[in-house]
Amino acid sequence: MLGTADHIVCVSEGIRCGLAGKVPPTLHDRFLVVRNGIDQLAPAPPPRSAGAPFRIVHVGTFYHRRDPRPFLTALAAVIRRRALTPADLRVELIGHCRWFDGVSI
């Protein structure tokens, strides 16, 4: 999965190092470290391939206050407003993401 990603965003250098050890060195330039409180954003990524869906991938666990429902509600509004189809957008939740606070996600 990591080997097919255009970019891999990590929240710390330690996580980047751990994940980078799972892919060949030729793919290390795909990793970005984005911390809370950053002063400057990275330049925009290159345009996607024609016909490729925009992908949002969450790898992790929904726990404590990490409620995915506000994101999903906002995503649904964007999908409706822009009349997006599955060919336009793909969301992947990888990890312990089936439930949050007793509610099926």
N, C-alpha and C. Protein backbone atom coordinates (compact mmCIF):
# COMPACT_ATOMS: atom_id res chain seq x y z
N MET A 1 0.83 -1.19 0.00
CA MET A 1 0.00 0.00 0.00
C MET A 1 0.87 1.25 0.00
N LEU A 2 1.87 1.32 0.87
CA LEU A 2 2.73 2.51 0.92
C LEU A 2 3.44 2.72 -0.42
N GLY A 3 3.81 1.65 -1.06
CA GLY A 3 4.56 1.74 -2.31
C GLY A 3 3.76 2.33 -3.46
N THR A 4 2.43 2.36 -3.35
CA THR A 4 1.61 2.90 -4.44
C THR A 4 1.15 4.33 -4.18
N ALA A 5 1.47 4.87 -3.00
CA ALA A 5 1.02 6.23 -2.65
C ALA A 5 1.87 7.28 -3.35
N ASP A 6 1.22 8.36 -3.77
CA ASP A 6 1.95 9.49 -4.35
C ASP A 6 2.69 10.26 -3.26
N HIS A 7 2.05 10.41 -2.11
CA HIS A 7 2.63 11.11 -0.97
C HIS A 7 2.20 10.38 0.29
N ILE A 8 3.05 10.40 1.30
CA ILE A 8 2.75 9.79 2.59
C ILE A 8 3.01 10.85 3.64
N VAL A 9 1.96 11.29 4.32
CA VAL A 9 2.06 12.38 5.29
C VAL A 9 2.18 11.77 6.69
N CYS A 10 3.21 12.19 7.41
CA CYS A 10 3.45 11.72 8.78
C CYS A 10 3.43 12.92 9.72
N VAL A 11 3.10 12.68 10.98
CA VAL A 11 3.00 13.79 11.93
C VAL A 11 4.27 13.96 12.76
N SER A 12 5.25 13.08 12.58
CA SER A 12 6.52 13.25 13.28
C SER A 12 7.64 12.60 12.47
N GLU A 13 8.85 13.01 12.77
CA GLU A 13 10.01 12.43 12.10
C GLU A 13 10.16 10.95 12.46
N GLY A 14 9.82 10.60 13.71
CA GLY A 14 9.90 9.20 14.14
C GLY A 14 8.98 8.30 13.35
N ILE A 15 7.76 8.77 13.11
CA ILE A 15 6.81 7.99 12.30
C ILE A 15 7.32 7.88 10.88
N ARG A 16 7.84 8.99 10.34
CA ARG A 16 8.40 8.95 8.98
C ARG A 16 9.50 7.91 8.87
N CYS A 17 10.41 7.89 9.83
CA CYS A 17 11.52 6.93 9.81
C CYS A 17 11.01 5.50 9.89
N GLY A 18 10.02 5.28 10.76
CA GLY A 18 9.46 3.94 10.89
C GLY A 18 8.80 3.44 9.62
N LEU A 19 8.03 4.31 8.99
CA LEU A 19 7.37 3.92 7.74
C LEU A 19 8.34 3.83 6.58
N ALA A 20 9.32 4.71 6.56
CA ALA A 20 10.31 4.70 5.47
C ALA A 20 11.08 3.39 5.46
N GLY A 21 11.24 2.77 6.63
CA GLY A 21 11.92 1.49 6.70
C GLY A 21 11.14 0.36 6.06
N LYS A 22 9.90 0.60 5.70
CA LYS A 22 9.05 -0.43 5.11
C LYS A 22 8.98 -0.35 3.59
N VAL A 23 9.63 0.65 3.01
CA VAL A 23 9.61 0.81 1.55
C VAL A 23 11.05 0.96 1.04
N PRO A 24 11.28 0.70 -0.23
CA PRO A 24 12.62 0.87 -0.78
C PRO A 24 13.08 2.33 -0.69
N PRO A 25 14.38 2.56 -0.57
CA PRO A 25 14.91 3.93 -0.49
C PRO A 25 14.49 4.82 -1.66
N THR A 26 14.21 4.24 -2.81
CA THR A 26 13.81 5.05 -3.96
C THR A 26 12.47 5.74 -3.75
N LEU A 27 11.70 5.31 -2.74
CA LEU A 27 10.39 5.91 -2.47
C LEU A 27 10.42 6.90 -1.31
N HIS A 28 11.56 7.11 -0.69
CA HIS A 28 11.65 7.98 0.49
C HIS A 28 11.28 9.43 0.19
N ASP A 29 11.40 9.87 -1.05
CA ASP A 29 11.05 11.26 -1.36
C ASP A 29 9.54 11.49 -1.35
N ARG A 30 8.75 10.45 -1.19
CA ARG A 30 7.29 10.59 -1.13
C ARG A 30 6.79 10.96 0.26
N PHE A 31 7.66 10.90 1.25
CA PHE A 31 7.26 11.17 2.64
C PHE A 31 7.31 12.66 2.94
N LEU A 32 6.28 13.12 3.65
CA LEU A 32 6.21 14.50 4.13
C LEU A 32 5.93 14.45 5.64
N VAL A 33 6.60 15.32 6.39
CA VAL A 33 6.31 15.44 7.81
C VAL A 33 5.56 16.75 8.01
N VAL A 34 4.34 16.66 8.52
CA VAL A 34 3.51 17.84 8.76
C VAL A 34 3.14 17.82 10.23
N ARG A 35 3.65 18.79 10.97
CA ARG A 35 3.39 18.86 12.41
C ARG A 35 2.31 19.89 12.70
N ASN A 36 1.70 19.78 13.86
CA ASN A 36 0.76 20.81 14.30
C ASN A 36 1.52 22.13 14.45
N GLY A 37 0.88 23.24 14.09
CA GLY A 37 1.48 24.55 14.28
C GLY A 37 2.54 24.90 13.27
N ILE A 38 2.48 24.30 12.09
CA ILE A 38 3.50 24.62 11.09
C ILE A 38 3.36 26.06 10.63
N ASP A 39 4.47 26.70 10.35
CA ASP A 39 4.47 28.09 9.91
C ASP A 39 4.29 28.24 8.40
N GLN A 40 4.69 27.24 7.66
CA GLN A 40 4.70 27.37 6.21
C GLN A 40 4.26 26.05 5.58
N LEU A 41 3.38 26.10 4.62
CA LEU A 41 2.92 24.90 3.94
C LEU A 41 3.87 24.52 2.83
N ALA A 42 3.92 23.23 2.55
CA ALA A 42 4.73 22.73 1.44
C ALA A 42 4.10 23.18 0.13
N PRO A 43 4.89 23.24 -0.95
CA PRO A 43 4.31 23.60 -2.25
C PRO A 43 3.24 22.59 -2.66
N ALA A 44 2.35 23.03 -3.51
CA ALA A 44 1.27 22.16 -3.98
C ALA A 44 1.85 20.96 -4.71
N PRO A 45 1.23 19.78 -4.53
CA PRO A 45 1.72 18.59 -5.24
C PRO A 45 1.44 18.72 -6.74
N PRO A 46 2.14 17.94 -7.54
CA PRO A 46 1.86 17.98 -8.97
C PRO A 46 0.44 17.51 -9.25
N PRO A 47 -0.12 17.90 -10.39
CA PRO A 47 -1.50 17.49 -10.71
C PRO A 47 -1.61 15.97 -10.80
N ARG A 48 -2.80 15.45 -10.45
CA ARG A 48 -3.05 14.02 -10.55
C ARG A 48 -3.11 13.60 -12.01
N SER A 49 -2.91 12.32 -12.22
CA SER A 49 -3.06 11.77 -13.56
C SER A 49 -4.51 11.94 -14.01
N ALA A 50 -4.70 12.19 -15.28
CA ALA A 50 -6.05 12.36 -15.82
C ALA A 50 -6.87 11.10 -15.54
N GLY A 51 -8.07 11.31 -15.01
CA GLY A 51 -8.97 10.20 -14.75
C GLY A 51 -8.76 9.52 -13.41
N ALA A 52 -7.68 9.85 -12.71
CA ALA A 52 -7.43 9.22 -11.41
C ALA A 52 -8.27 9.92 -10.34
N PRO A 53 -8.88 9.15 -9.43
CA PRO A 53 -9.67 9.78 -8.37
C PRO A 53 -8.75 10.46 -7.36
N PHE A 54 -9.27 11.48 -6.69
CA PHE A 54 -8.58 12.10 -5.57
C PHE A 54 -8.75 11.14 -4.41
N ARG A 55 -7.65 10.79 -3.73
CA ARG A 55 -7.70 9.81 -2.66
C ARG A 55 -7.39 10.46 -1.32
N ILE A 56 -8.20 10.13 -0.33
CA ILE A 56 -7.95 10.51 1.06
C ILE A 56 -7.80 9.19 1.82
N VAL A 57 -6.66 9.01 2.47
CA VAL A 57 -6.40 7.77 3.20
C VAL A 57 -6.09 8.09 4.65
N HIS A 58 -6.83 7.46 5.57
CA HIS A 58 -6.56 7.59 7.00
C HIS A 58 -6.03 6.24 7.48
N VAL A 59 -4.84 6.25 8.09
CA VAL A 59 -4.27 5.04 8.65
C VAL A 59 -4.16 5.25 10.15
N GLY A 60 -4.89 4.48 10.91
CA GLY A 60 -4.84 4.65 12.35
C GLY A 60 -6.10 4.13 13.01
N THR A 61 -6.41 4.69 14.15
CA THR A 61 -7.52 4.23 14.97
C THR A 61 -8.38 5.41 15.38
N PHE A 62 -9.68 5.23 15.35
CA PHE A 62 -10.59 6.23 15.89
C PHE A 62 -10.77 5.93 17.37
N TYR A 63 -10.32 6.81 18.22
CA TYR A 63 -10.44 6.60 19.66
C TYR A 63 -10.56 7.94 20.36
N HIS A 64 -10.94 7.87 21.60
CA HIS A 64 -11.07 9.03 22.48
C HIS A 64 -11.87 10.12 21.77
N ARG A 65 -11.28 11.24 21.45
CA ARG A 65 -12.01 12.34 20.80
C ARG A 65 -11.73 12.45 19.31
N ARG A 66 -11.16 11.45 18.73
CA ARG A 66 -10.85 11.48 17.29
C ARG A 66 -12.07 11.00 16.50
N ASP A 67 -13.10 11.78 16.57
CA ASP A 67 -14.39 11.46 15.98
C ASP A 67 -14.35 11.75 14.48
N PRO A 68 -14.55 10.75 13.63
CA PRO A 68 -14.51 10.97 12.19
C PRO A 68 -15.79 11.56 11.61
N ARG A 69 -16.83 11.64 12.41
CA ARG A 69 -18.13 12.07 11.87
C ARG A 69 -18.14 13.50 11.34
N PRO A 70 -17.48 14.48 11.97
CA PRO A 70 -17.45 15.82 11.36
C PRO A 70 -16.78 15.81 9.97
N PHE A 71 -15.69 15.06 9.85
CA PHE A 71 -15.04 14.94 8.53
C PHE A 71 -15.99 14.31 7.52
N LEU A 72 -16.65 13.22 7.90
CA LEU A 72 -17.55 12.53 6.98
C LEU A 72 -18.75 13.40 6.60
N THR A 73 -19.25 14.18 7.53
CA THR A 73 -20.35 15.09 7.25
C THR A 73 -19.91 16.17 6.25
N ALA A 74 -18.73 16.74 6.48
CA ALA A 74 -18.20 17.76 5.56
C ALA A 74 -17.92 17.15 4.19
N LEU A 75 -17.38 15.95 4.18
CA LEU A 75 -17.10 15.27 2.91
C LEU A 75 -18.39 15.03 2.13
N ALA A 76 -19.44 14.61 2.82
CA ALA A 76 -20.73 14.40 2.14
C ALA A 76 -21.24 15.71 1.53
N ALA A 77 -21.05 16.82 2.23
CA ALA A 77 -21.49 18.12 1.70
C ALA A 77 -20.70 18.48 0.44
N VAL A 78 -19.41 18.25 0.45
CA VAL A 78 -18.59 18.54 -0.73
C VAL A 78 -19.00 17.65 -1.89
N ILE A 79 -19.25 16.39 -1.62
CA ILE A 79 -19.67 15.45 -2.67
C ILE A 79 -20.97 15.92 -3.30
N ARG A 80 -21.94 16.32 -2.46
CA ARG A 80 -23.22 16.81 -2.99
C ARG A 80 -23.02 18.11 -3.78
N ARG A 81 -22.30 19.06 -3.19
CA ARG A 81 -22.13 20.37 -3.82
C ARG A 81 -21.43 20.27 -5.17
N ARG A 82 -20.46 19.39 -5.27
CA ARG A 82 -19.68 19.27 -6.51
C ARG A 82 -20.14 18.12 -7.39
N ALA A 83 -21.18 17.42 -6.96
CA ALA A 83 -21.73 16.28 -7.70
C ALA A 83 -20.63 15.27 -8.04
N LEU A 84 -19.83 14.92 -7.03
CA LEU A 84 -18.73 13.98 -7.24
C LEU A 84 -19.26 12.55 -7.30
N THR A 85 -18.55 11.71 -8.02
CA THR A 85 -18.89 10.29 -8.14
C THR A 85 -17.72 9.47 -7.59
N PRO A 86 -17.90 8.16 -7.44
CA PRO A 86 -16.78 7.32 -7.00
C PRO A 86 -15.56 7.41 -7.93
N ALA A 87 -15.78 7.77 -9.17
CA ALA A 87 -14.65 7.94 -10.09
C ALA A 87 -13.84 9.20 -9.76
N ASP A 88 -14.44 10.13 -9.00
CA ASP A 88 -13.77 11.39 -8.67
C ASP A 88 -13.03 11.34 -7.34
N LEU A 89 -13.53 10.55 -6.40
CA LEU A 89 -13.03 10.61 -5.03
C LEU A 89 -13.05 9.23 -4.40
N ARG A 90 -11.99 8.93 -3.68
CA ARG A 90 -11.91 7.66 -2.96
C ARG A 90 -11.40 7.92 -1.56
N VAL A 91 -12.11 7.41 -0.54
CA VAL A 91 -11.70 7.55 0.85
C VAL A 91 -11.43 6.15 1.39
N GLU A 92 -10.23 5.97 1.97
CA GLU A 92 -9.86 4.68 2.55
C GLU A 92 -9.55 4.87 4.03
N LEU A 93 -10.21 4.09 4.86
CA LEU A 93 -9.97 4.11 6.30
C LEU A 93 -9.29 2.79 6.64
N ILE A 94 -8.03 2.86 7.01
CA ILE A 94 -7.23 1.66 7.25
C ILE A 94 -6.86 1.60 8.73
N GLY A 95 -7.16 0.50 9.36
CA GLY A 95 -6.87 0.35 10.78
C GLY A 95 -8.15 0.04 11.53
N HIS A 96 -8.19 0.38 12.80
CA HIS A 96 -9.38 0.16 13.63
C HIS A 96 -10.32 1.35 13.43
N CYS A 97 -11.07 1.30 12.32
CA CYS A 97 -11.90 2.44 11.91
C CYS A 97 -13.37 2.06 11.73
N ARG A 98 -13.73 0.85 12.07
CA ARG A 98 -15.10 0.39 11.82
C ARG A 98 -16.11 1.05 12.75
N TRP A 99 -15.70 1.36 13.99
CA TRP A 99 -16.60 1.90 14.99
C TRP A 99 -15.99 3.12 15.65
N PHE A 100 -16.85 4.03 16.08
CA PHE A 100 -16.41 5.12 16.94
C PHE A 100 -17.50 5.36 17.97
N ASP A 101 -17.15 5.28 19.23
CA ASP A 101 -18.08 5.54 20.32
C ASP A 101 -19.36 4.71 20.18
N GLY A 102 -19.21 3.44 19.77
CA GLY A 102 -20.35 2.53 19.65
C GLY A 102 -21.17 2.72 18.39
N VAL A 103 -20.74 3.61 17.47
CA VAL A 103 -21.47 3.88 16.24
C VAL A 103 -20.67 3.32 15.06
N SER A 104 -21.32 2.59 14.17
CA SER A 104 -20.66 2.05 13.00
C SER A 104 -20.29 3.18 12.03
N ILE A 105 -19.06 3.21 11.61
CA ILE A 105 -18.60 4.21 10.66
C ILE A 105 -18.62 3.59 9.28
